[in-house]
């Protein structure tokens, strides 16, 4: 992106939108276990939700 010149703001916005989609939805990242960040985040939310369902929310003391 640093090396591109855009003739109009709309063209720049369109290019940025395409780049952002590729970066977050398609391109795997080594820091995300070689998955796209969106998929990694989805799996993390699922695992966190599963863990929250198995942990009791209150503790009874007798």
PDB file of N, CA and C in Angstrom:
ATOM      1  N   UNK A   1       0.817  -1.198   0.000  1.00  0.00           N
ATOM      2  CA  UNK A   1       0.000   0.000   0.000  1.00  0.00           C
ATOM      3  C   UNK A   1       0.863   1.266   0.000  1.00  0.00           C
ATOM      4  N   UNK A   2       2.011   1.225   0.649  1.00  0.00           N
ATOM      5  CA  UNK A   2       2.855   2.419   0.719  1.00  0.00           C
ATOM      6  C   UNK A   2       3.335   2.870  -0.651  1.00  0.00           C
ATOM      7  N   UNK A   3       3.445   1.949  -1.585  1.00  0.00           N
ATOM      8  CA  UNK A   3       4.002   2.272  -2.888  1.00  0.00           C
ATOM      9  C   UNK A   3       2.938   2.567  -3.938  1.00  0.00           C
ATOM     10  N   UNK A   4       1.687   2.604  -3.559  1.00  0.00           N
ATOM     11  CA  UNK A   4       0.615   2.837  -4.522  1.00  0.00           C
ATOM     12  C   UNK A   4       0.106   4.272  -4.425  1.00  0.00           C
ATOM     13  N   UNK A   5      -0.244   4.787  -5.594  1.00  0.00           N
ATOM     14  CA  UNK A   5      -0.864   6.098  -5.672  1.00  0.00           C
ATOM     15  C   UNK A   5      -2.316   5.891  -6.104  1.00  0.00           C
ATOM     16  N   UNK A   6      -3.202   6.584  -5.488  1.00  0.00           N
ATOM     17  CA  UNK A   6      -4.618   6.459  -5.812  1.00  0.00           C
ATOM     18  C   UNK A   6      -5.114   7.778  -6.384  1.00  0.00           C
ATOM     19  N   UNK A   7      -5.878   7.668  -7.453  1.00  0.00           N
ATOM     20  CA  UNK A   7      -6.400   8.866  -8.100  1.00  0.00           C
ATOM     21  C   UNK A   7      -7.627   9.412  -7.390  1.00  0.00           C
ATOM     22  N   UNK A   8      -8.295   8.562  -6.628  1.00  0.00           N
ATOM     23  CA  UNK A   8      -9.503   9.012  -5.941  1.00  0.00           C
ATOM     24  C   UNK A   8      -9.602   8.307  -4.586  1.00  0.00           C
ATOM     25  N   UNK A   9     -10.244   8.963  -3.675  1.00  0.00           N
ATOM     26  CA  UNK A   9     -10.417   8.412  -2.338  1.00  0.00           C
ATOM     27  C   UNK A   9     -11.179   7.091  -2.384  1.00  0.00           C
ATOM     28  N   UNK A  10     -12.167   6.985  -3.247  1.00  0.00           N
ATOM     29  CA  UNK A  10     -12.953   5.757  -3.359  1.00  0.00           C
ATOM     30  C   UNK A  10     -12.083   4.579  -3.797  1.00  0.00           C
ATOM     31  N   UNK A  11     -11.132   4.807  -4.699  1.00  0.00           N
ATOM     32  CA  UNK A  11     -10.225   3.738  -5.129  1.00  0.00           C
ATOM     33  C   UNK A  11      -9.333   3.287  -3.980  1.00  0.00           C
ATOM     34  N   UNK A  12      -8.878   4.226  -3.181  1.00  0.00           N
ATOM     35  CA  UNK A  12      -8.057   3.894  -2.018  1.00  0.00           C
ATOM     36  C   UNK A  12      -8.869   3.081  -1.017  1.00  0.00           C
ATOM     37  N   UNK A  13     -10.084   3.494  -0.751  1.00  0.00           N
ATOM     38  CA  UNK A  13     -10.943   2.758   0.191  1.00  0.00           C
ATOM     39  C   UNK A  13     -11.214   1.340  -0.293  1.00  0.00           C
ATOM     40  N   UNK A  14     -11.451   1.206  -1.591  1.00  0.00           N
ATOM     41  CA  UNK A  14     -11.716  -0.110  -2.165  1.00  0.00           C
ATOM     42  C   UNK A  14     -10.492  -1.022  -2.027  1.00  0.00           C
ATOM     43  N   UNK A  15      -9.314  -0.495  -2.329  1.00  0.00           N
ATOM     44  CA  UNK A  15      -8.082  -1.279  -2.214  1.00  0.00           C
ATOM     45  C   UNK A  15      -7.820  -1.672  -0.765  1.00  0.00           C
ATOM     46  N   UNK A  16      -8.063  -0.766   0.160  1.00  0.00           N
ATOM     47  CA  UNK A  16      -7.862  -1.055   1.578  1.00  0.00           C
ATOM     48  C   UNK A  16      -8.835  -2.132   2.050  1.00  0.00           C
ATOM     49  N   UNK A  17     -10.063  -2.070   1.602  1.00  0.00           N
ATOM     50  CA  UNK A  17     -11.059  -3.082   1.975  1.00  0.00           C
ATOM     51  C   UNK A  17     -10.636  -4.462   1.485  1.00  0.00           C
ATOM     52  N   UNK A  18     -10.166  -4.552   0.244  1.00  0.00           N
ATOM     53  CA  UNK A  18      -9.697  -5.833  -0.290  1.00  0.00           C
ATOM     54  C   UNK A  18      -8.487  -6.343   0.490  1.00  0.00           C
ATOM     55  N   UNK A  19      -7.549  -5.450   0.791  1.00  0.00           N
ATOM     56  CA  UNK A  19      -6.357  -5.841   1.538  1.00  0.00           C
ATOM     57  C   UNK A  19      -6.733  -6.332   2.938  1.00  0.00           C
ATOM     58  N   UNK A  20      -7.613  -5.598   3.613  1.00  0.00           N
ATOM     59  CA  UNK A  20      -8.032  -5.964   4.968  1.00  0.00           C
ATOM     60  C   UNK A  20      -8.715  -7.337   4.975  1.00  0.00           C
ATOM     61  N   UNK A  21      -9.560  -7.600   3.995  1.00  0.00           N
ATOM     62  CA  UNK A  21     -10.226  -8.899   3.907  1.00  0.00           C
ATOM     63  C   UNK A  21      -9.192 -10.012   3.718  1.00  0.00           C
ATOM     64  N   UNK A  22      -8.257  -9.811   2.802  1.00  0.00           N
ATOM     65  CA  UNK A  22      -7.230 -10.822   2.566  1.00  0.00           C
ATOM     66  C   UNK A  22      -6.393 -11.044   3.821  1.00  0.00           C
ATOM     67  N   UNK A  23      -6.000  -9.986   4.485  1.00  0.00           N
ATOM     68  CA  UNK A  23      -5.136 -10.068   5.662  1.00  0.00           C
ATOM     69  C   UNK A  23      -5.825 -10.777   6.831  1.00  0.00           C
ATOM     70  N   UNK A  24      -7.095 -10.489   7.050  1.00  0.00           N
ATOM     71  CA  UNK A  24      -7.802 -11.032   8.214  1.00  0.00           C
ATOM     72  C   UNK A  24      -8.575 -12.315   7.952  1.00  0.00           C
ATOM     73  N   UNK A  25      -9.015 -12.537   6.729  1.00  0.00           N
ATOM     74  CA  UNK A  25      -9.893 -13.668   6.438  1.00  0.00           C
ATOM     75  C   UNK A  25      -9.241 -14.782   5.628  1.00  0.00           C
ATOM     76  N   UNK A  26      -8.190 -14.476   4.880  1.00  0.00           N
ATOM     77  CA  UNK A  26      -7.625 -15.452   3.948  1.00  0.00           C
ATOM     78  C   UNK A  26      -6.197 -15.851   4.325  1.00  0.00           C
ATOM     79  N   UNK A  27      -5.346 -14.884   4.512  1.00  0.00           N
ATOM     80  CA  UNK A  27      -3.908 -15.114   4.702  1.00  0.00           C
ATOM     81  C   UNK A  27      -3.604 -15.715   6.071  1.00  0.00           C
ATOM     82  N   UNK A  28      -2.965 -16.884   6.111  1.00  0.00           N
ATOM     83  CA  UNK A  28      -2.621 -17.473   7.408  1.00  0.00           C
ATOM     84  C   UNK A  28      -1.481 -16.710   8.084  1.00  0.00           C
ATOM     85  N   UNK A  29      -1.514 -16.681   9.398  1.00  0.00           N
ATOM     86  CA  UNK A  29      -0.493 -16.010  10.196  1.00  0.00           C
ATOM     87  C   UNK A  29       0.185 -17.047  11.081  1.00  0.00           C
ATOM     88  N   UNK A  30       1.487 -17.005  11.149  1.00  0.00           N
ATOM     89  CA  UNK A  30       2.210 -17.973  11.975  1.00  0.00           C
ATOM     90  C   UNK A  30       1.873 -17.791  13.451  1.00  0.00           C
ATOM     91  N   UNK A  31       1.575 -16.575  13.882  1.00  0.00           N
ATOM     92  CA  UNK A  31       1.242 -16.336  15.285  1.00  0.00           C
ATOM     93  C   UNK A  31      -0.148 -16.848  15.649  1.00  0.00           C
ATOM     94  N   UNK A  32      -0.942 -17.201  14.654  1.00  0.00           N
ATOM     95  CA  UNK A  32      -2.295 -17.735  14.876  1.00  0.00           C
ATOM     96  C   UNK A  32      -2.352 -19.214  14.490  1.00  0.00           C
ATOM     97  N   UNK A  33      -1.283 -19.921  14.734  1.00  0.00           N
ATOM     98  CA  UNK A  33      -1.203 -21.346  14.422  1.00  0.00           C
ATOM     99  C   UNK A  33      -1.471 -21.604  12.939  1.00  0.00           C
ATOM    100  N   UNK A  34      -0.945 -20.733  12.104  1.00  0.00           N
ATOM    101  CA  UNK A  34      -1.046 -20.822  10.644  1.00  0.00           C
ATOM    102  C   UNK A  34      -2.492 -20.834  10.153  1.00  0.00           C
ATOM    103  N   UNK A  35      -3.331 -20.034  10.819  1.00  0.00           N
ATOM    104  CA  UNK A  35      -4.720 -19.821  10.409  1.00  0.00           C
ATOM    105  C   UNK A  35      -4.919 -18.328  10.181  1.00  0.00           C
ATOM    106  N   UNK A  36      -5.918 -17.964   9.396  1.00  0.00           N
ATOM    107  CA  UNK A  36      -6.266 -16.543   9.303  1.00  0.00           C
ATOM    108  C   UNK A  36      -6.752 -16.044  10.670  1.00  0.00           C
ATOM    109  N   UNK A  37      -6.488 -14.789  11.016  1.00  0.00           N
ATOM    110  CA  UNK A  37      -6.884 -14.275  12.318  1.00  0.00           C
ATOM    111  C   UNK A  37      -8.374 -14.432  12.629  1.00  0.00           C
ATOM    112  N   UNK A  38      -9.238 -14.268  11.648  1.00  0.00           N
ATOM    113  CA  UNK A  38     -10.680 -14.386  11.902  1.00  0.00           C
ATOM    114  C   UNK A  38     -11.047 -15.809  12.330  1.00  0.00           C
ATOM    115  N   UNK A  39     -10.474 -16.798  11.674  1.00  0.00           N
ATOM    116  CA  UNK A  39     -10.759 -18.191  12.036  1.00  0.00           C
ATOM    117  C   UNK A  39     -10.178 -18.514  13.408  1.00  0.00           C
ATOM    118  N   UNK A  40      -8.976 -18.033  13.683  1.00  0.00           N
ATOM    119  CA  UNK A  40      -8.351 -18.244  14.985  1.00  0.00           C
ATOM    120  C   UNK A  40      -9.207 -17.636  16.096  1.00  0.00           C
ATOM    121  N   UNK A  41      -9.701 -16.426  15.880  1.00  0.00           N
ATOM    122  CA  UNK A  41     -10.543 -15.765  16.874  1.00  0.00           C
ATOM    123  C   UNK A  41     -11.846 -16.528  17.082  1.00  0.00           C
ATOM    124  N   UNK A  42     -12.434 -17.029  16.006  1.00  0.00           N
ATOM    125  CA  UNK A  42     -13.670 -17.807  16.118  1.00  0.00           C
ATOM    126  C   UNK A  42     -13.446 -19.072  16.952  1.00  0.00           C
ATOM    127  N   UNK A  43     -12.359 -19.785  16.689  1.00  0.00           N
ATOM    128  CA  UNK A  43     -12.053 -20.985  17.474  1.00  0.00           C
ATOM    129  C   UNK A  43     -11.797 -20.638  18.939  1.00  0.00           C
ATOM    130  N   UNK A  44     -11.115 -19.524  19.171  1.00  0.00           N
ATOM    131  CA  UNK A  44     -10.851 -19.083  20.548  1.00  0.00           C
ATOM    132  C   UNK A  44     -12.155 -18.775  21.279  1.00  0.00           C
ATOM    133  N   UNK A  45     -13.075 -18.084  20.605  1.00  0.00           N
ATOM    134  CA  UNK A  45     -14.372 -17.778  21.233  1.00  0.00           C
ATOM    135  C   UNK A  45     -15.152 -19.051  21.526  1.00  0.00           C
ATOM    136  N   UNK A  46     -15.106 -20.019  20.608  1.00  0.00           N
ATOM    137  CA  UNK A  46     -15.806 -21.290  20.838  1.00  0.00           C
ATOM    138  C   UNK A  46     -15.222 -22.014  22.041  1.00  0.00           C
ATOM    139  N   UNK A  47     -13.904 -22.082  22.113  1.00  0.00           N
ATOM    140  CA  UNK A  47     -13.252 -22.768  23.233  1.00  0.00           C
ATOM    141  C   UNK A  47     -13.530 -22.055  24.548  1.00  0.00           C
ATOM    142  N   UNK A  48     -13.511 -20.735  24.523  1.00  0.00           N
ATOM    143  CA  UNK A  48     -13.793 -19.965  25.733  1.00  0.00           C
ATOM    144  C   UNK A  48     -15.241 -20.177  26.160  1.00  0.00           C
ATOM    145  N   UNK A  49     -16.152 -20.240  25.209  1.00  0.00           N
ATOM    146  CA  UNK A  49     -17.554 -20.487  25.532  1.00  0.00           C
ATOM    147  C   UNK A  49     -17.761 -21.870  26.085  1.00  0.00           C
ATOM    148  N   UNK A  50     -17.087 -22.859  25.515  1.00  0.00           N
ATOM    149  CA  UNK A  50     -17.185 -24.230  26.025  1.00  0.00           C
ATOM    150  C   UNK A  50     -16.633 -24.316  27.430  1.00  0.00           C
ATOM    151  N   UNK A  51     -15.529 -23.644  27.694  1.00  0.00           N
ATOM    152  CA  UNK A  51     -14.926 -23.668  29.023  1.00  0.00           C
ATOM    153  C   UNK A  51     -15.832 -22.978  30.035  1.00  0.00           C
ATOM    154  N   UNK A  52     -16.473 -21.894  29.633  1.00  0.00           N
ATOM    155  CA  UNK A  52     -17.354 -21.165  30.545  1.00  0.00           C
ATOM    156  C   UNK A  52     -18.569 -22.005  30.927  1.00  0.00           C
ATOM    157  N   UNK A  53     -19.013 -22.866  30.014  1.00  0.00           N
ATOM    158  CA  UNK A  53     -20.173 -23.698  30.301  1.00  0.00           C
ATOM    159  C   UNK A  53     -19.830 -24.828  31.272  1.00  0.00           C
ATOM    160  N   UNK A  54     -18.584 -25.258  31.312  1.00  0.00           N
ATOM    161  CA  UNK A  54     -18.208 -26.372  32.176  1.00  0.00           C
ATOM    162  C   UNK A  54     -17.752 -25.925  33.557  1.00  0.00           C
ATOM    163  N   UNK A  55     -17.442 -24.642  33.732  1.00  0.00           N
ATOM    164  CA  UNK A  55     -17.001 -24.131  35.028  1.00  0.00           C
ATOM    165  C   UNK A  55     -18.226 -23.664  35.798  1.00  0.00           C
ATOM    166  N   UNK A  56     -18.430 -24.181  37.043  1.00  0.00           N
ATOM    167  CA  UNK A  56     -19.565 -23.717  37.833  1.00  0.00           C
ATOM    168  C   UNK A  56     -19.419 -22.232  38.171  1.00  0.00           C
ATOM    169  N   UNK A  57     -20.534 -21.531  38.180  1.00  0.00           N
ATOM    170  CA  UNK A  57     -20.477 -20.080  38.425  1.00  0.00           C
ATOM    171  C   UNK A  57     -20.614 -19.747  39.892  1.00  0.00           C
ATOM    172  N   UNK A  58     -21.127 -20.649  40.702  1.00  0.00           N
ATOM    173  CA  UNK A  58     -21.238 -20.396  42.133  1.00  0.00           C
ATOM    174  C   UNK A  58     -20.615 -21.554  42.896  1.00  0.00           C
ATOM    175  N   UNK A  59     -20.129 -21.228  44.068  1.00  0.00           N
ATOM    176  CA  UNK A  59     -19.541 -22.246  44.931  1.00  0.00           C
ATOM    177  C   UNK A  59     -20.338 -22.278  46.234  1.00  0.00           C
ATOM    178  N   UNK A  60     -20.807 -23.447  46.572  1.00  0.00           N
ATOM    179  CA  UNK A  60     -21.574 -23.598  47.816  1.00  0.00           C
ATOM    180  C   UNK A  60     -20.629 -24.018  48.935  1.00  0.00           C
ATOM    181  N   UNK A  61     -20.781 -23.391  50.100  1.00  0.00           N
ATOM    182  CA  UNK A  61     -19.998 -23.754  51.275  1.00  0.00           C
ATOM    183  C   UNK A  61     -20.963 -24.282  52.322  1.00  0.00           C
ATOM    184  N   UNK A  62     -20.697 -25.481  52.792  1.00  0.00           N
ATOM    185  CA  UNK A  62     -21.564 -26.093  53.825  1.00  0.00           C
ATOM    186  C   UNK A  62     -20.948 -25.963  55.185  1.00  0.00           C
TER     187      UNK A  62
END
